Amino acid sequence: MLVAVRVIYAQTDSTTAKKKNHIQTGILYTSNQTYAGRTDSFRLPVIIPSVNFKTHVGFYIKASGYLNLSRNNKGFDGISIEPGYEFSKSHWDGSISLIKNFISDSSNLITAPVKTSVEFYLGNENKIITPFIGSEYLFNKEGNDFIAYGGLSKSLTLTKEDKEPSVTLEPSFSLSAGSQNFYYSFLKTFAANSHSSGRGRSGNNSSVTQTVGEQSKQFTLLSAAFEMPITFTKSKFEWKTTPAWESPLNLVDNGGAGAQKAKSYLYISTGMLFTF
């Protein structure tokens, strides 16, 4: 879920862990939650704790929580459940998953309108560069979305090979495209929650026009992103910090009530992961 988060919080395994069932626990902080270049008009920091049971054959089930730290809407916003399958063959790595979100109606998370999503990812790691592609199909109240993304990354090891602790750097550039009914739903129903005092639902945003809804159905470029994950790994512990730049493209309702402005923004994510 989320192109950025997939790069930031990749669930890597040691060779030993791959041979048996295991549990991973983690916690991720992002200074501004974003989805395909879309975010709230106010900064949207979020803490995401998670637990993931992974089998030796690649199937897994993951549960995540969402602690909203935004200025006017602090609180626990809900959980997501993600069953999926990860595979690796030669230089190819991929995954397919179903994500079910249970997010409060009082939330202003950019992903709050997405009730369910089906996601696919495929990457080819080689000595030169790693190309990757992915797609997501989102089920929303205002209409479903298909989002596709692709990009290039390069893993650079800054310490001696096969020595611990290890430090790696993996710069990545990606583009995403698709429809944005999820963002129309966010503007219409959830964006006002960040402008109200308290956790009560603010109701529909009447300023969001039907024209915006029609524009949201169009398939178009959504965002360009550059990320610089730095990963520290020692035994079963991993700490990853990712500065990121993102530029939204073809925003609907640009600068309207509750909508973000069409300008690039910076954010940072940092997360820890431990494998049992």
Protein backbone atom coordinates (compact mmCIF):
# COMPACT_ATOMS: atom_id res chain seq x y z
CA MET A 1 0.00 0.00 0.00
CA LEU A 2 1.34 3.41 -1.00
CA VAL A 3 4.29 3.51 -3.42
CA ALA A 4 6.42 5.41 -0.93
CA VAL A 5 5.67 3.15 2.00
CA ARG A 6 6.47 0.05 -0.07
CA VAL A 7 9.99 1.40 -0.61
CA ILE A 8 10.32 2.85 2.90
CA TYR A 9 9.09 -0.17 4.81
CA ALA A 10 10.00 -3.16 2.64
CA GLN A 11 9.82 -6.36 4.66
CA THR A 12 13.22 -7.86 4.05
CA ASP A 13 14.17 -11.29 5.40
CA SER A 14 17.45 -12.86 6.32
CA THR A 15 18.35 -16.18 4.69
CA THR A 16 17.62 -17.96 7.95
CA ALA A 17 14.19 -16.37 8.33
CA LYS A 18 13.14 -17.44 4.84
CA LYS A 19 13.47 -21.13 5.79
CA LYS A 20 10.80 -21.07 8.50
CA ASN A 21 7.62 -19.36 9.62
CA HIS A 22 8.30 -16.18 11.55
CA ILE A 23 6.76 -13.00 12.96
CA GLN A 24 7.84 -9.45 12.21
CA THR A 25 6.87 -6.50 14.38
CA GLY A 26 7.52 -2.93 13.40
CA ILE A 27 6.67 0.71 13.85
CA LEU A 28 6.79 3.39 11.17
CA TYR A 29 6.58 7.18 11.50
CA THR A 30 5.91 9.38 8.48
CA SER A 31 5.92 13.16 8.76
CA ASN A 32 3.23 13.54 6.08
CA GLN A 33 1.05 10.68 4.85
CA THR A 34 0.81 10.69 1.06
CA TYR A 35 -0.87 8.51 -1.56
CA ALA A 36 -0.06 8.84 -5.27
CA GLY A 37 0.97 12.45 -4.69
CA ARG A 38 -2.19 13.29 -2.74
CA THR A 39 -2.20 14.48 0.86
CA ASP A 40 -4.17 16.68 3.23
CA SER A 41 -3.96 20.48 2.95
CA PHE A 42 -2.39 20.41 6.43
CA ARG A 43 0.65 18.32 7.36
CA LEU A 44 -0.46 14.76 8.16
CA PRO A 45 2.01 12.91 10.44
CA VAL A 46 1.11 9.31 11.23
CA ILE A 47 2.55 6.48 13.37
CA ILE A 48 1.88 2.98 12.02
CA PRO A 49 2.62 -0.02 14.29
CA SER A 50 2.35 -3.44 12.64
CA VAL A 51 2.67 -7.18 13.19
CA ASN A 52 3.17 -9.63 10.35
CA PHE A 53 3.02 -13.43 10.40
CA LYS A 54 4.98 -14.84 7.43
CA THR A 55 5.17 -18.46 6.32
CA HIS A 56 8.17 -20.16 4.76
CA VAL A 57 6.25 -20.63 1.48
CA GLY A 58 5.56 -16.90 1.03
CA PHE A 59 2.03 -16.41 2.38
CA TYR A 60 1.60 -13.79 5.09
CA ILE A 61 -1.02 -11.88 7.03
CA LYS A 62 -0.29 -8.42 8.40
CA ALA A 63 -2.20 -6.11 10.75
CA SER A 64 -1.42 -2.39 11.00
CA GLY A 65 -2.76 0.46 13.15
CA TYR A 66 -2.94 4.19 12.36
CA LEU A 67 -2.23 6.80 15.03
CA ASN A 68 -3.05 10.21 13.57
CA LEU A 69 -0.85 13.05 14.88
CA SER A 70 -2.26 15.88 12.74
CA ARG A 71 -2.79 19.24 14.41
CA ASN A 72 -6.59 19.33 14.70
CA ASN A 73 -7.46 15.64 14.56
CA LYS A 74 -5.19 13.61 16.85
CA GLY A 75 -6.30 10.10 17.72
CA PHE A 76 -6.37 6.44 16.75
CA ASP A 77 -7.99 6.24 13.32
CA GLY A 78 -8.28 2.49 12.76
CA ILE A 79 -6.56 -0.61 11.43
CA SER A 80 -5.91 -2.52 8.23
CA ILE A 81 -5.68 -6.26 7.62
CA GLU A 82 -3.50 -7.50 4.75
CA PRO A 83 -3.27 -11.12 3.62
CA GLY A 84 -0.86 -11.66 0.76
CA TYR A 85 1.79 -13.69 -0.99
CA GLU A 86 5.44 -12.81 -1.63
CA PHE A 87 7.64 -14.63 -4.12
CA SER A 88 11.25 -14.57 -5.23
CA LYS A 89 12.86 -16.38 -8.16
CA SER A 90 16.35 -15.67 -9.45
CA HIS A 91 16.56 -11.84 -9.66
CA TRP A 92 12.78 -11.37 -9.55
CA ASP A 93 10.82 -10.33 -6.46
CA GLY A 94 7.11 -9.73 -6.28
CA SER A 95 3.98 -9.72 -4.18
CA ILE A 96 0.21 -9.73 -4.44
CA SER A 97 -2.08 -8.74 -1.58
CA LEU A 98 -5.58 -7.76 -0.50
CA ILE A 99 -5.87 -4.91 2.01
CA LYS A 100 -9.03 -4.24 4.02
CA ASN A 101 -9.14 -0.91 5.86
CA PHE A 102 -11.25 -0.17 8.93
CA ILE A 103 -10.81 3.61 9.24
CA SER A 104 -12.92 5.98 11.36
CA ASP A 105 -15.35 8.36 9.64
CA SER A 106 -13.76 11.15 11.69
CA SER A 107 -10.34 10.51 10.11
CA ASN A 108 -8.52 12.86 7.76
CA LEU A 109 -6.02 10.21 6.59
CA ILE A 110 -5.57 10.44 2.83
CA THR A 111 -6.29 6.69 2.63
CA ALA A 112 -9.52 6.93 4.68
CA PRO A 113 -11.82 6.67 1.61
CA VAL A 114 -10.19 3.40 0.47
CA LYS A 115 -12.23 0.55 1.92
CA THR A 116 -10.42 -2.29 0.13
CA SER A 117 -7.52 -2.55 -2.30
CA VAL A 118 -5.89 -5.28 -4.37
CA GLU A 119 -2.18 -4.72 -5.01
CA PHE A 120 0.56 -6.20 -7.17
CA TYR A 121 4.31 -5.51 -7.24
CA LEU A 122 7.19 -6.86 -9.34
CA GLY A 123 10.87 -5.89 -9.36
CA ASN A 124 14.03 -7.17 -11.03
CA GLU A 125 17.20 -6.69 -9.01
CA ASN A 126 20.39 -6.86 -11.05
CA LYS A 127 23.94 -5.53 -10.84
CA ILE A 128 23.16 -2.36 -12.77
CA ILE A 129 19.74 -1.08 -11.63
CA THR A 130 16.41 -2.38 -10.34
CA PRO A 131 13.34 -1.59 -12.45
CA PHE A 132 9.99 -2.11 -10.72
CA ILE A 133 6.30 -1.89 -11.59
CA GLY A 134 3.11 -2.21 -9.63
CA SER A 135 -0.62 -1.70 -9.74
CA GLU A 136 -3.42 -1.13 -7.25
CA TYR A 137 -7.19 -1.41 -7.63
CA LEU A 138 -9.07 0.62 -5.04
CA PHE A 139 -12.68 0.26 -3.92
CA ASN A 140 -14.13 3.61 -2.82
CA LYS A 141 -17.58 5.00 -2.10
CA GLU A 142 -17.40 7.54 -4.94
CA GLY A 143 -16.10 5.06 -7.55
CA ASN A 144 -13.23 2.62 -7.91
CA ASP A 145 -9.69 3.47 -9.05
CA PHE A 146 -6.94 1.73 -10.99
CA ILE A 147 -3.47 3.05 -10.22
CA ALA A 148 -0.23 1.91 -11.88
CA TYR A 149 3.31 2.90 -11.05
CA GLY A 150 6.82 2.17 -12.21
CA GLY A 151 10.33 3.29 -11.46
CA LEU A 152 14.00 2.60 -11.03
CA SER A 153 16.11 2.07 -7.91
CA LYS A 154 19.74 1.26 -7.18
CA SER A 155 20.97 -0.52 -4.04
CA LEU A 156 24.36 0.62 -2.76
CA THR A 157 26.07 -1.16 0.15
CA LEU A 158 28.09 1.29 2.24
CA THR A 159 29.71 -1.36 4.46
CA LYS A 160 31.65 -4.54 3.75
CA GLU A 161 29.67 -7.27 1.99
CA ASP A 162 28.25 -10.02 4.27
CA LYS A 163 29.37 -8.16 7.40
CA GLU A 164 27.13 -6.89 10.19
CA PRO A 165 25.95 -4.34 10.89
CA SER A 166 25.28 -3.41 7.27
CA VAL A 167 24.26 -0.03 5.88
CA THR A 168 22.65 0.34 2.48
CA LEU A 169 21.45 3.27 0.41
CA GLU A 170 18.76 2.80 -2.26
CA PRO A 171 17.84 5.92 -4.24
CA SER A 172 14.58 5.47 -6.16
CA PHE A 173 12.57 7.43 -8.74
CA SER A 174 8.98 6.56 -9.65
CA LEU A 175 5.94 7.79 -11.56
CA SER A 176 2.32 6.90 -10.83
CA ALA A 177 -0.77 7.21 -12.99
CA GLY A 178 -4.46 6.41 -12.61
CA SER A 179 -7.85 7.80 -11.71
CA GLN A 180 -8.44 9.68 -8.47
CA ASN A 181 -11.94 8.94 -7.24
CA PHE A 182 -10.35 8.24 -3.84
CA TYR A 183 -9.17 11.86 -3.70
CA TYR A 184 -12.59 13.17 -4.74
CA SER A 185 -14.09 11.10 -1.91
CA PHE A 186 -11.45 12.47 0.49
CA LEU A 187 -12.25 16.08 -0.45
CA LYS A 188 -16.00 15.52 -0.28
CA THR A 189 -16.20 13.59 3.00
CA PHE A 190 -12.95 13.49 5.00
CA ALA A 191 -10.88 16.66 4.32
CA ALA A 192 -13.05 18.84 6.59
CA ASN A 193 -12.11 16.66 9.58
CA SER A 194 -8.67 18.28 9.73
CA HIS A 195 -10.24 21.78 9.87
CA SER A 196 -12.63 21.11 12.76
CA SER A 197 -11.93 21.08 16.49
CA GLY A 198 -12.30 17.68 18.12
CA ARG A 199 -12.85 14.22 16.67
CA GLY A 200 -16.47 14.58 15.54
CA ARG A 201 -17.24 14.11 11.86
CA SER A 202 -17.59 17.44 10.07
CA GLY A 203 -19.91 16.25 7.30
CA ASN A 204 -19.75 16.65 3.53
CA ASN A 205 -17.84 19.48 1.87
CA SER A 206 -20.50 21.18 -0.29
CA SER A 207 -17.87 23.20 -2.20
CA VAL A 208 -16.63 20.08 -4.02
CA THR A 209 -18.49 20.17 -7.34
CA GLN A 210 -19.71 17.42 -9.62
CA THR A 211 -17.19 18.67 -12.18
CA VAL A 212 -14.42 17.62 -9.78
CA GLY A 213 -16.06 14.20 -9.57
CA GLU A 214 -16.05 13.85 -13.36
CA GLN A 215 -12.40 14.92 -13.60
CA SER A 216 -11.51 12.32 -10.95
CA LYS A 217 -12.64 9.51 -13.24
CA GLN A 218 -10.00 10.34 -15.86
CA PHE A 219 -6.82 8.23 -16.12
CA THR A 220 -3.86 10.59 -15.92
CA LEU A 221 -0.38 11.03 -14.46
CA LEU A 222 -0.69 11.45 -10.69
CA SER A 223 2.78 11.98 -9.24
CA ALA A 224 6.54 11.89 -9.53
CA ALA A 225 8.60 10.88 -6.50
CA PHE A 226 12.24 10.59 -5.49
CA GLU A 227 13.23 8.68 -2.34
CA MET A 228 16.54 7.98 -0.60
CA PRO A 229 16.10 5.08 1.88
CA ILE A 230 19.02 4.46 4.24
CA THR A 231 18.86 1.06 5.96
CA PHE A 232 20.79 -0.16 8.98
CA THR A 233 20.60 -3.94 9.53
CA LYS A 234 22.01 -6.05 12.35
CA SER A 235 20.93 -9.66 12.78
CA LYS A 236 17.10 -9.61 13.05
CA PHE A 237 16.82 -5.84 13.50
CA GLU A 238 16.31 -3.30 10.71
CA TRP A 239 16.06 0.49 10.88
CA LYS A 240 15.16 2.39 7.73
CA THR A 241 14.96 6.17 7.28
CA THR A 242 13.75 7.70 4.03
CA PRO A 243 13.86 11.36 3.02
CA ALA A 244 11.47 11.85 0.10
CA TRP A 245 10.41 14.45 -2.46
CA GLU A 246 7.04 14.19 -4.22
CA SER A 247 5.34 16.28 -6.86
CA PRO A 248 1.56 15.93 -7.41
CA LEU A 249 0.41 16.08 -11.04
CA ASN A 250 -3.04 16.87 -12.47
CA LEU A 251 -4.67 17.65 -9.13
CA VAL A 252 -8.44 18.01 -9.21
CA ASP A 253 -9.88 20.99 -7.28
CA ASN A 254 -6.41 22.53 -7.01
CA GLY A 255 -6.36 24.86 -4.00
CA GLY A 256 -10.09 24.40 -3.25
CA ALA A 257 -11.52 24.06 0.25
CA GLY A 258 -9.58 21.30 2.01
CA ALA A 259 -7.49 20.55 -1.09
CA GLN A 260 -3.72 20.67 -1.31
CA LYS A 261 -1.95 23.08 -3.64
CA ALA A 262 -0.19 21.86 -6.78
CA LYS A 263 3.35 22.17 -5.49
CA SER A 264 6.09 19.71 -4.58
CA TYR A 265 6.69 18.80 -0.96
CA LEU A 266 9.29 17.04 1.19
CA TYR A 267 8.69 14.54 3.98
CA ILE A 268 10.60 11.92 5.93
CA SER A 269 9.71 8.44 7.15
CA THR A 270 11.55 6.27 9.62
CA GLY A 271 10.73 2.77 10.80
CA MET A 272 12.09 -0.14 12.81
CA LEU A 273 11.46 -3.81 12.13
CA PHE A 274 12.30 -6.85 14.25
CA THR A 275 12.03 -10.48 13.15
CA PHE A 276 11.29 -13.23 15.69
